[in-house]
């Protein structure tokens, strides 16, 4: 992949992430707290929100492992499929960082 091709990929991914954060953010959070789903899942699972998020990420990672296993069978997924999976994980990592920052603020302001 050339530097130009990589830059184009990066721009496509940024656009996808912007759309994903906007659309799924509206779908998976309430109006006042973008992290509400992870907090609710944590309450149901009796764990921390960060742990609940990592449980959700695990599903995505297993799916990517399955996709990589298929590569060994000379199968290639369309870019739209792989971008969806990798994009979801990137968004989860951004949300995890948001949870870390929120916790840091809470711990250091109490």
N, C-alpha and C. Protein backbone atom coordinates (compact mmCIF):
# COMPACT_ATOMS: atom_id res chain seq x y z
N UNK A 1 0.86 -1.17 0.00
CA UNK A 1 0.00 0.00 0.00
C UNK A 1 0.90 1.24 0.00
N UNK A 2 0.64 2.12 -0.91
CA UNK A 2 1.42 3.35 -1.00
C UNK A 2 1.00 4.32 0.12
N UNK A 3 1.80 5.34 0.33
CA UNK A 3 1.45 6.37 1.31
C UNK A 3 0.14 7.05 0.93
N UNK A 4 -0.06 7.30 -0.34
CA UNK A 4 -1.30 7.93 -0.80
C UNK A 4 -2.51 7.03 -0.55
N UNK A 5 -2.35 5.76 -0.87
CA UNK A 5 -3.45 4.82 -0.61
C UNK A 5 -3.75 4.73 0.88
N UNK A 6 -2.71 4.74 1.71
CA UNK A 6 -2.92 4.70 3.15
C UNK A 6 -3.64 5.95 3.64
N UNK A 7 -3.24 7.10 3.12
CA UNK A 7 -3.90 8.36 3.51
C UNK A 7 -5.37 8.33 3.11
N UNK A 8 -5.67 7.80 1.92
CA UNK A 8 -7.07 7.67 1.50
C UNK A 8 -7.84 6.74 2.43
N UNK A 9 -7.22 5.63 2.81
CA UNK A 9 -7.85 4.71 3.77
C UNK A 9 -8.12 5.43 5.09
N UNK A 10 -7.14 6.15 5.57
CA UNK A 10 -7.30 6.87 6.83
C UNK A 10 -8.45 7.87 6.74
N UNK A 11 -8.56 8.59 5.65
CA UNK A 11 -9.66 9.54 5.47
C UNK A 11 -11.01 8.84 5.41
N UNK A 12 -11.07 7.71 4.70
CA UNK A 12 -12.33 6.94 4.66
C UNK A 12 -12.70 6.44 6.05
N UNK A 13 -11.70 5.98 6.80
CA UNK A 13 -11.96 5.48 8.14
C UNK A 13 -12.43 6.60 9.06
N UNK A 14 -11.81 7.78 8.96
CA UNK A 14 -12.24 8.92 9.78
C UNK A 14 -13.69 9.28 9.49
N UNK A 15 -14.06 9.30 8.21
CA UNK A 15 -15.45 9.59 7.84
C UNK A 15 -16.39 8.54 8.42
N UNK A 16 -15.99 7.28 8.31
CA UNK A 16 -16.81 6.19 8.84
C UNK A 16 -16.97 6.32 10.35
N UNK A 17 -15.88 6.65 11.04
CA UNK A 17 -15.94 6.78 12.49
C UNK A 17 -16.82 7.95 12.91
N UNK A 18 -16.75 9.05 12.19
CA UNK A 18 -17.63 10.19 12.48
C UNK A 18 -19.09 9.77 12.37
N UNK A 19 -19.42 9.10 11.27
CA UNK A 19 -20.79 8.66 11.07
C UNK A 19 -21.21 7.63 12.11
N UNK A 20 -20.33 6.71 12.41
CA UNK A 20 -20.63 5.66 13.38
C UNK A 20 -20.86 6.25 14.76
N UNK A 21 -20.00 7.16 15.18
CA UNK A 21 -20.16 7.78 16.50
C UNK A 21 -21.46 8.57 16.57
N UNK A 22 -21.79 9.24 15.52
CA UNK A 22 -23.02 10.04 15.51
C UNK A 22 -24.25 9.15 15.54
N UNK A 23 -24.33 8.19 14.63
CA UNK A 23 -25.52 7.35 14.51
C UNK A 23 -25.69 6.38 15.67
N UNK A 24 -24.65 5.65 16.00
CA UNK A 24 -24.76 4.69 17.10
C UNK A 24 -24.82 5.39 18.44
N UNK A 25 -24.20 6.56 18.53
CA UNK A 25 -24.28 7.33 19.76
C UNK A 25 -25.71 7.69 20.10
N UNK A 26 -26.47 8.06 19.10
CA UNK A 26 -27.88 8.37 19.32
C UNK A 26 -28.68 7.12 19.66
N UNK A 27 -28.30 6.01 19.06
CA UNK A 27 -29.03 4.76 19.25
C UNK A 27 -28.72 4.09 20.59
N UNK A 28 -27.48 4.19 21.04
CA UNK A 28 -27.05 3.42 22.20
C UNK A 28 -26.77 4.23 23.46
N UNK A 29 -27.19 5.46 23.52
CA UNK A 29 -27.00 6.23 24.74
C UNK A 29 -28.22 7.11 24.97
N UNK A 30 -28.33 7.62 26.19
CA UNK A 30 -29.43 8.55 26.42
C UNK A 30 -28.96 9.96 26.09
N UNK A 31 -29.85 10.91 26.20
CA UNK A 31 -29.52 12.27 25.74
C UNK A 31 -28.54 12.99 26.64
N UNK A 32 -28.41 12.56 27.89
CA UNK A 32 -27.53 13.28 28.81
C UNK A 32 -26.20 12.57 29.05
N UNK A 33 -26.12 11.29 28.76
CA UNK A 33 -24.89 10.55 29.06
C UNK A 33 -24.55 9.60 27.92
N UNK A 34 -23.50 9.92 27.20
CA UNK A 34 -23.07 9.13 26.05
C UNK A 34 -22.61 7.73 26.45
N UNK A 35 -22.28 7.56 27.71
CA UNK A 35 -21.75 6.29 28.20
C UNK A 35 -22.80 5.48 28.97
N UNK A 36 -24.04 5.88 28.88
CA UNK A 36 -25.09 5.27 29.70
C UNK A 36 -25.26 3.78 29.46
N UNK A 37 -25.11 3.31 28.24
CA UNK A 37 -25.29 1.87 27.98
C UNK A 37 -24.27 1.02 28.72
N UNK A 38 -23.05 1.50 28.81
CA UNK A 38 -22.02 0.74 29.50
C UNK A 38 -22.26 0.74 31.01
N UNK A 39 -22.77 1.84 31.50
CA UNK A 39 -23.10 1.92 32.93
C UNK A 39 -24.29 1.02 33.26
N UNK A 40 -25.25 1.00 32.39
CA UNK A 40 -26.41 0.13 32.61
C UNK A 40 -26.02 -1.35 32.50
N UNK A 41 -25.21 -1.68 31.50
CA UNK A 41 -24.73 -3.06 31.36
C UNK A 41 -23.92 -3.46 32.59
N UNK A 42 -23.11 -2.53 33.10
CA UNK A 42 -22.31 -2.83 34.28
C UNK A 42 -23.20 -3.10 35.49
N UNK A 43 -24.26 -2.34 35.64
CA UNK A 43 -25.18 -2.57 36.76
C UNK A 43 -25.83 -3.95 36.63
N UNK A 44 -26.22 -4.33 35.43
CA UNK A 44 -26.83 -5.64 35.20
C UNK A 44 -25.84 -6.78 35.45
N UNK A 45 -24.59 -6.56 35.05
CA UNK A 45 -23.58 -7.61 35.17
C UNK A 45 -22.80 -7.53 36.48
N UNK A 46 -23.12 -6.52 37.30
CA UNK A 46 -22.44 -6.31 38.58
C UNK A 46 -20.92 -6.20 38.40
N UNK A 47 -20.54 -5.28 37.53
CA UNK A 47 -19.13 -5.02 37.25
C UNK A 47 -18.96 -3.52 36.98
N UNK A 48 -17.78 -3.14 36.59
CA UNK A 48 -17.51 -1.75 36.25
C UNK A 48 -17.88 -1.49 34.79
N UNK A 49 -18.24 -0.25 34.44
CA UNK A 49 -18.57 0.06 33.04
C UNK A 49 -17.46 -0.31 32.06
N UNK A 50 -16.22 -0.10 32.48
CA UNK A 50 -15.09 -0.44 31.62
C UNK A 50 -15.07 -1.95 31.32
N UNK A 51 -15.39 -2.75 32.32
CA UNK A 51 -15.44 -4.20 32.14
C UNK A 51 -16.59 -4.60 31.22
N UNK A 52 -17.73 -3.94 31.38
CA UNK A 52 -18.87 -4.22 30.51
C UNK A 52 -18.52 -3.90 29.06
N UNK A 53 -17.85 -2.76 28.84
CA UNK A 53 -17.44 -2.39 27.49
C UNK A 53 -16.49 -3.44 26.92
N UNK A 54 -15.52 -3.89 27.70
CA UNK A 54 -14.57 -4.88 27.21
C UNK A 54 -15.27 -6.19 26.85
N UNK A 55 -16.32 -6.52 27.56
CA UNK A 55 -17.09 -7.70 27.18
C UNK A 55 -17.71 -7.54 25.80
N UNK A 56 -18.18 -6.35 25.52
CA UNK A 56 -18.76 -6.08 24.20
C UNK A 56 -17.70 -6.09 23.11
N UNK A 57 -16.51 -5.59 23.44
CA UNK A 57 -15.41 -5.59 22.49
C UNK A 57 -14.98 -7.02 22.16
N UNK A 58 -15.06 -7.90 23.14
CA UNK A 58 -14.65 -9.28 22.94
C UNK A 58 -15.42 -9.92 21.79
N UNK A 59 -16.70 -9.62 21.71
CA UNK A 59 -17.53 -10.15 20.60
C UNK A 59 -16.96 -9.70 19.26
N UNK A 60 -16.57 -8.44 19.17
CA UNK A 60 -16.02 -7.92 17.92
C UNK A 60 -14.67 -8.58 17.61
N UNK A 61 -13.87 -8.77 18.62
CA UNK A 61 -12.55 -9.38 18.41
C UNK A 61 -12.68 -10.82 17.95
N UNK A 62 -13.60 -11.56 18.55
CA UNK A 62 -13.83 -12.95 18.12
C UNK A 62 -14.26 -12.96 16.65
N UNK A 63 -15.10 -12.03 16.26
CA UNK A 63 -15.54 -11.95 14.88
C UNK A 63 -14.36 -11.67 13.95
N UNK A 64 -13.45 -10.80 14.37
CA UNK A 64 -12.28 -10.51 13.55
C UNK A 64 -11.37 -11.74 13.47
N UNK A 65 -11.21 -12.46 14.57
CA UNK A 65 -10.43 -13.70 14.52
C UNK A 65 -11.04 -14.66 13.50
N UNK A 66 -12.35 -14.77 13.49
CA UNK A 66 -13.01 -15.63 12.50
C UNK A 66 -12.70 -15.16 11.08
N UNK A 67 -12.72 -13.87 10.88
CA UNK A 67 -12.42 -13.33 9.55
C UNK A 67 -10.97 -13.64 9.15
N UNK A 68 -10.04 -13.48 10.08
CA UNK A 68 -8.64 -13.76 9.79
C UNK A 68 -8.44 -15.25 9.51
N UNK A 69 -9.15 -16.10 10.25
CA UNK A 69 -9.07 -17.54 9.98
C UNK A 69 -9.49 -17.85 8.55
N UNK A 70 -10.48 -17.14 8.06
CA UNK A 70 -10.94 -17.35 6.68
C UNK A 70 -9.87 -16.96 5.66
N UNK A 71 -9.01 -16.00 6.04
CA UNK A 71 -7.92 -15.62 5.14
C UNK A 71 -7.03 -16.82 4.83
N UNK A 72 -6.87 -17.68 5.82
CA UNK A 72 -6.04 -18.89 5.63
C UNK A 72 -6.67 -19.84 4.61
N UNK A 73 -7.96 -19.67 4.38
CA UNK A 73 -8.66 -20.47 3.37
C UNK A 73 -8.75 -19.72 2.05
N UNK A 74 -7.93 -18.65 1.93
CA UNK A 74 -7.89 -17.83 0.73
C UNK A 74 -9.22 -17.12 0.46
N UNK A 75 -9.88 -16.70 1.53
CA UNK A 75 -11.13 -15.96 1.42
C UNK A 75 -10.86 -14.53 1.86
N UNK A 76 -11.38 -13.58 1.13
CA UNK A 76 -11.22 -12.16 1.48
C UNK A 76 -12.58 -11.51 1.61
N UNK A 77 -12.80 -10.84 2.72
CA UNK A 77 -14.05 -10.12 2.94
C UNK A 77 -14.03 -8.79 2.21
N UNK A 78 -15.19 -8.32 1.81
CA UNK A 78 -15.26 -6.98 1.19
C UNK A 78 -14.79 -5.91 2.18
N UNK A 79 -14.24 -4.83 1.64
CA UNK A 79 -13.78 -3.73 2.49
C UNK A 79 -14.87 -3.21 3.40
N UNK A 80 -16.10 -3.18 2.93
CA UNK A 80 -17.19 -2.66 3.76
C UNK A 80 -17.37 -3.48 5.03
N UNK A 81 -17.17 -4.79 4.92
CA UNK A 81 -17.32 -5.67 6.08
C UNK A 81 -16.16 -5.48 7.05
N UNK A 82 -14.95 -5.47 6.52
CA UNK A 82 -13.79 -5.32 7.41
C UNK A 82 -13.75 -3.94 8.05
N UNK A 83 -14.15 -2.92 7.31
CA UNK A 83 -14.16 -1.57 7.86
C UNK A 83 -15.20 -1.46 8.97
N UNK A 84 -16.31 -2.14 8.83
CA UNK A 84 -17.32 -2.12 9.89
C UNK A 84 -16.75 -2.72 11.17
N UNK A 85 -16.11 -3.86 11.06
CA UNK A 85 -15.57 -4.54 12.24
C UNK A 85 -14.45 -3.74 12.89
N UNK A 86 -13.48 -3.31 12.09
CA UNK A 86 -12.37 -2.55 12.67
C UNK A 86 -12.85 -1.20 13.19
N UNK A 87 -13.79 -0.60 12.49
CA UNK A 87 -14.35 0.68 12.95
C UNK A 87 -15.06 0.56 14.28
N UNK A 88 -15.81 -0.53 14.46
CA UNK A 88 -16.50 -0.75 15.74
C UNK A 88 -15.50 -0.83 16.88
N UNK A 89 -14.41 -1.54 16.66
CA UNK A 89 -13.41 -1.67 17.73
C UNK A 89 -12.75 -0.32 18.03
N UNK A 90 -12.46 0.45 17.01
CA UNK A 90 -11.88 1.77 17.23
C UNK A 90 -12.83 2.64 18.05
N UNK A 91 -14.10 2.61 17.71
CA UNK A 91 -15.09 3.40 18.46
C UNK A 91 -15.16 2.92 19.91
N UNK A 92 -15.16 1.61 20.11
CA UNK A 92 -15.16 1.09 21.48
C UNK A 92 -13.94 1.61 22.26
N UNK A 93 -12.79 1.68 21.62
CA UNK A 93 -11.60 2.16 22.31
C UNK A 93 -11.72 3.65 22.65
N UNK A 94 -12.36 4.41 21.79
CA UNK A 94 -12.61 5.83 22.09
C UNK A 94 -13.57 5.94 23.27
N UNK A 95 -14.59 5.10 23.28
CA UNK A 95 -15.54 5.10 24.40
C UNK A 95 -14.87 4.65 25.69
N UNK A 96 -13.96 3.69 25.60
CA UNK A 96 -13.21 3.25 26.78
C UNK A 96 -12.38 4.41 27.32
N UNK A 97 -11.75 5.16 26.43
CA UNK A 97 -10.98 6.33 26.87
C UNK A 97 -11.91 7.34 27.55
N UNK A 98 -13.11 7.51 27.03
CA UNK A 98 -14.07 8.43 27.66
C UNK A 98 -14.42 7.95 29.07
N UNK A 99 -14.60 6.64 29.24
CA UNK A 99 -14.86 6.10 30.57
C UNK A 99 -13.66 6.33 31.50
N UNK A 100 -12.45 6.11 30.99
CA UNK A 100 -11.25 6.36 31.79
C UNK A 100 -11.19 7.82 32.25
N UNK A 101 -11.45 8.73 31.32
CA UNK A 101 -11.38 10.16 31.64
C UNK A 101 -12.46 10.56 32.63
N UNK A 102 -13.66 10.03 32.44
CA UNK A 102 -14.75 10.33 33.37
C UNK A 102 -14.41 9.82 34.77
N UNK A 103 -13.87 8.61 34.84
CA UNK A 103 -13.50 8.04 36.14
C UNK A 103 -12.38 8.88 36.78
N UNK A 104 -11.39 9.26 36.01
CA UNK A 104 -10.29 10.08 36.53
C UNK A 104 -10.84 11.37 37.15
N UNK A 105 -11.72 12.01 36.44
CA UNK A 105 -12.32 13.26 36.95
C UNK A 105 -13.09 13.00 38.25
N UNK A 106 -13.85 11.93 38.27
CA UNK A 106 -14.66 11.59 39.45
C UNK A 106 -13.76 11.29 40.65
N UNK A 107 -12.72 10.50 40.43
CA UNK A 107 -11.82 10.11 41.52
C UNK A 107 -11.03 11.31 42.03
N UNK A 108 -10.59 12.15 41.14
CA UNK A 108 -9.74 13.28 41.55
C UNK A 108 -10.53 14.51 42.02
N UNK A 109 -11.83 14.50 41.85
CA UNK A 109 -12.63 15.62 42.32
C UNK A 109 -13.40 15.28 43.58
N UNK A 110 -13.29 14.06 44.04
CA UNK A 110 -14.00 13.66 45.27
C UNK A 110 -13.12 13.83 46.49
